[in-house]
Amino acid sequence: MSTRPLPRRHAGGRTSMSEQEGAGLRVQPVRRPIWIDPPDQWENVDLVNYVNLPAMGAQANVIKFQVPIGHNGIIKKVANNFVGGGWVEGSGQVIWQILVDGAPPPGSVNYDLILASLGSPANPVEIAGFRIVENQVLTLVVKNVAVVAAGQLSGGRLIGYLYPREMESESSWLG
């Protein structure tokens, strides 16, 4: 018969992890999926830029980034803004788009008609995230629908991470 004391029970009858380890139980490390937390071999993606507002009826790329071969990634924060006068937030006079290979990211269909500032480059908005894969082109576009261009700026920021493509299994992603 063992003389080792039993672990003390907490509210709800559970024992703490440290007490279980002390009782000889093995704890399996938990790795969250790479679309939730970056893996150990991640590389930062932090793209920020400003451009002059294009002429009325024109568009400009605020950010354009090609995912390197051998890497996939996740974009988790976005920002776009307008600096200057002559524009009313939400009016549709200026429109932004976040595009992957010229189309909204899969599952993110509302990024092709952004009517308002999503945070600012200094304080981007956290989103659920979307996937980018090797060789894809990620673009933040500003379209001037109806503002007289007079030196205003449009800024943007995209934040996420890249990881080696071989880190994900084929069953990691649907579609």
Protein backbone atom coordinates (compact mmCIF):
# COMPACT_ATOMS: atom_id res chain seq x y z
CA MET A 1 0.00 0.00 0.00
CA SER A 2 1.31 3.42 -0.98
CA THR A 3 1.87 6.12 1.60
CA ARG A 4 1.76 8.91 -0.99
CA PRO A 5 -1.00 11.42 -0.08
CA LEU A 6 -3.84 11.85 -2.55
CA PRO A 7 -4.05 15.15 -4.43
CA ARG A 8 -6.20 17.78 -2.76
CA ARG A 9 -9.53 18.34 -4.55
CA HIS A 10 -10.65 21.85 -5.51
CA ALA A 11 -14.17 23.16 -6.03
CA GLY A 12 -16.02 20.84 -8.37
CA GLY A 13 -13.91 17.85 -7.34
CA ARG A 14 -11.06 18.53 -9.78
CA THR A 15 -7.37 18.52 -9.05
CA SER A 16 -4.90 21.04 -10.42
CA MET A 17 -2.52 20.09 -13.23
CA SER A 18 0.50 20.46 -10.95
CA GLU A 19 -1.08 18.14 -8.41
CA GLN A 20 -1.85 15.58 -11.13
CA GLU A 21 1.75 15.71 -12.33
CA GLY A 22 2.87 15.16 -8.75
CA ALA A 23 0.59 12.12 -8.57
CA GLY A 24 2.49 10.57 -11.49
CA LEU A 25 0.05 11.50 -14.26
CA ARG A 26 1.59 12.56 -17.59
CA VAL A 27 0.42 15.82 -19.11
CA GLN A 28 0.28 15.95 -22.89
CA PRO A 29 1.31 19.37 -24.28
CA VAL A 30 -1.44 21.00 -26.29
CA ARG A 31 -0.61 22.76 -29.55
CA ARG A 32 -3.37 24.97 -30.81
CA PRO A 33 -4.02 24.94 -34.57
CA ILE A 34 -1.77 27.19 -36.68
CA TRP A 35 -4.75 29.29 -37.76
CA ILE A 36 -5.28 30.24 -34.09
CA ASP A 37 -1.71 30.65 -32.79
CA PRO A 38 1.50 30.95 -34.78
CA PRO A 39 3.78 27.90 -34.67
CA ASP A 40 7.35 28.07 -33.37
CA GLN A 41 8.75 28.77 -36.86
CA TRP A 42 6.54 31.76 -37.66
CA GLU A 43 7.60 34.93 -39.46
CA ASN A 44 5.95 38.25 -38.80
CA VAL A 45 3.87 39.99 -41.48
CA ASP A 46 3.36 43.66 -40.65
CA LEU A 47 2.66 45.70 -43.76
CA VAL A 48 1.92 49.41 -43.43
CA ASN A 49 1.80 52.13 -46.07
CA TYR A 50 0.19 55.40 -47.11
CA VAL A 51 -0.55 56.61 -50.65
CA ASN A 52 -1.97 59.81 -52.09
CA LEU A 53 -5.69 59.54 -52.69
CA PRO A 54 -6.05 58.81 -56.41
CA ALA A 55 -8.04 61.05 -58.72
CA MET A 56 -11.82 60.75 -58.71
CA GLY A 57 -12.82 57.53 -60.49
CA ALA A 58 -9.38 55.92 -60.02
CA GLN A 59 -7.90 53.44 -57.58
CA ALA A 60 -4.49 52.79 -56.03
CA ASN A 61 -2.79 49.94 -54.21
CA VAL A 62 -2.10 50.97 -50.64
CA ILE A 63 -0.38 47.63 -49.89
CA LYS A 64 0.66 44.85 -52.23
CA PHE A 65 2.42 41.72 -50.92
CA GLN A 66 3.22 38.39 -52.55
CA VAL A 67 3.38 35.40 -50.20
CA PRO A 68 6.84 33.78 -50.54
CA ILE A 69 7.13 30.31 -52.06
CA GLY A 70 7.15 27.60 -49.38
CA HIS A 71 5.12 29.66 -46.91
CA ASN A 72 1.48 30.00 -45.97
CA GLY A 73 0.04 32.40 -43.47
CA ILE A 74 -2.80 34.05 -41.64
CA ILE A 75 -3.85 37.72 -41.60
CA LYS A 76 -5.32 38.58 -38.19
CA LYS A 77 -5.49 42.40 -38.05
CA VAL A 78 -6.42 45.02 -40.64
CA ALA A 79 -6.61 48.79 -40.85
CA ASN A 80 -7.47 51.40 -43.43
CA ASN A 81 -7.95 55.12 -43.05
CA PHE A 82 -8.36 58.45 -44.80
CA VAL A 83 -6.27 61.50 -43.90
CA GLY A 84 -7.48 64.91 -45.05
CA GLY A 85 -10.71 66.72 -45.80
CA GLY A 86 -13.61 66.23 -48.18
CA TRP A 87 -14.79 62.77 -47.14
CA VAL A 88 -17.55 61.55 -44.84
CA GLU A 89 -17.10 58.16 -43.16
CA GLY A 90 -19.49 55.57 -44.58
CA SER A 91 -20.63 57.74 -47.50
CA GLY A 92 -19.29 55.44 -50.22
CA GLN A 93 -17.23 58.28 -51.70
CA VAL A 94 -14.10 56.27 -50.89
CA ILE A 95 -14.07 52.46 -50.90
CA TRP A 96 -11.38 50.06 -49.75
CA GLN A 97 -10.91 46.44 -50.73
CA ILE A 98 -8.79 43.67 -49.25
CA LEU A 99 -8.11 41.20 -52.03
CA VAL A 100 -6.27 37.91 -52.44
CA ASP A 101 -5.40 37.29 -56.08
CA GLY A 102 -7.90 39.98 -57.11
CA ALA A 103 -10.91 38.65 -55.16
CA PRO A 104 -12.09 38.83 -51.54
CA PRO A 105 -10.37 36.27 -49.32
CA PRO A 106 -12.29 32.96 -49.24
CA GLY A 107 -14.95 33.14 -46.54
CA SER A 108 -14.46 36.90 -46.20
CA VAL A 109 -16.81 38.24 -48.84
CA ASN A 110 -17.38 41.60 -47.12
CA TYR A 111 -13.82 42.84 -47.72
CA ASP A 112 -14.52 44.02 -51.28
CA LEU A 113 -16.72 46.97 -50.23
CA ILE A 114 -15.29 48.61 -47.11
CA LEU A 115 -17.03 51.97 -46.61
CA ALA A 116 -15.41 53.06 -43.34
CA SER A 117 -12.10 53.07 -41.53
CA LEU A 118 -11.27 49.76 -39.90
CA GLY A 119 -9.18 51.10 -37.08
CA SER A 120 -6.10 53.03 -38.07
CA PRO A 121 -2.61 51.87 -39.02
CA ALA A 122 -1.54 52.79 -35.48
CA ASN A 123 -4.37 50.69 -33.99
CA PRO A 124 -5.57 47.97 -36.40
CA VAL A 125 -8.76 45.97 -35.86
CA GLU A 126 -8.52 42.30 -34.92
CA ILE A 127 -10.49 40.06 -37.27
CA ALA A 128 -11.29 36.34 -37.26
CA GLY A 129 -8.51 35.98 -39.78
CA PHE A 130 -8.10 34.66 -43.28
CA ARG A 131 -5.61 32.35 -44.86
CA ILE A 132 -3.00 33.27 -47.44
CA VAL A 133 -0.95 30.66 -49.31
CA GLU A 134 2.32 30.65 -51.18
CA ASN A 135 2.56 32.82 -54.28
CA GLN A 136 -0.79 34.57 -53.67
CA VAL A 137 -0.89 38.36 -53.95
CA LEU A 138 -2.48 40.20 -51.04
CA THR A 139 -3.63 43.74 -51.87
CA LEU A 140 -5.29 46.59 -49.99
CA VAL A 141 -6.88 48.87 -52.60
CA VAL A 142 -8.41 52.34 -52.19
CA LYS A 143 -10.97 53.54 -54.75
CA ASN A 144 -11.87 57.21 -55.01
CA VAL A 145 -15.49 57.25 -56.10
CA ALA A 146 -16.41 60.90 -55.53
CA VAL A 147 -13.83 62.94 -53.60
CA VAL A 148 -11.94 65.80 -55.22
CA ALA A 149 -8.30 64.80 -54.69
CA ALA A 150 -6.37 67.59 -52.98
CA GLY A 151 -3.42 65.98 -51.24
CA GLN A 152 -5.39 63.61 -49.00
CA LEU A 153 -3.86 60.27 -48.04
CA SER A 154 -5.13 56.76 -47.59
CA GLY A 155 -3.30 54.46 -45.23
CA GLY A 156 -3.48 50.82 -44.43
CA ARG A 157 -1.98 48.02 -42.40
CA LEU A 158 -2.20 44.24 -42.58
CA ILE A 159 -0.80 42.12 -39.74
CA GLY A 160 -0.40 38.38 -39.43
CA TYR A 161 2.22 35.70 -39.76
CA LEU A 162 3.77 33.24 -42.19
CA TYR A 163 4.90 29.70 -41.44
CA PRO A 164 6.57 26.94 -43.48
CA ARG A 165 3.98 25.29 -45.72
CA GLU A 166 5.01 21.78 -44.71
CA MET A 167 3.84 22.48 -41.13
CA GLU A 168 0.20 22.00 -42.09
CA SER A 169 -1.37 18.74 -43.00
CA GLU A 170 -3.58 18.43 -46.06
CA SER A 171 -6.55 18.00 -43.75
CA SER A 172 -5.83 21.31 -41.95
CA TRP A 173 -8.10 23.31 -44.21
CA LEU A 174 -11.35 22.69 -45.94
CA GLY A 175 -11.87 23.67 -49.58
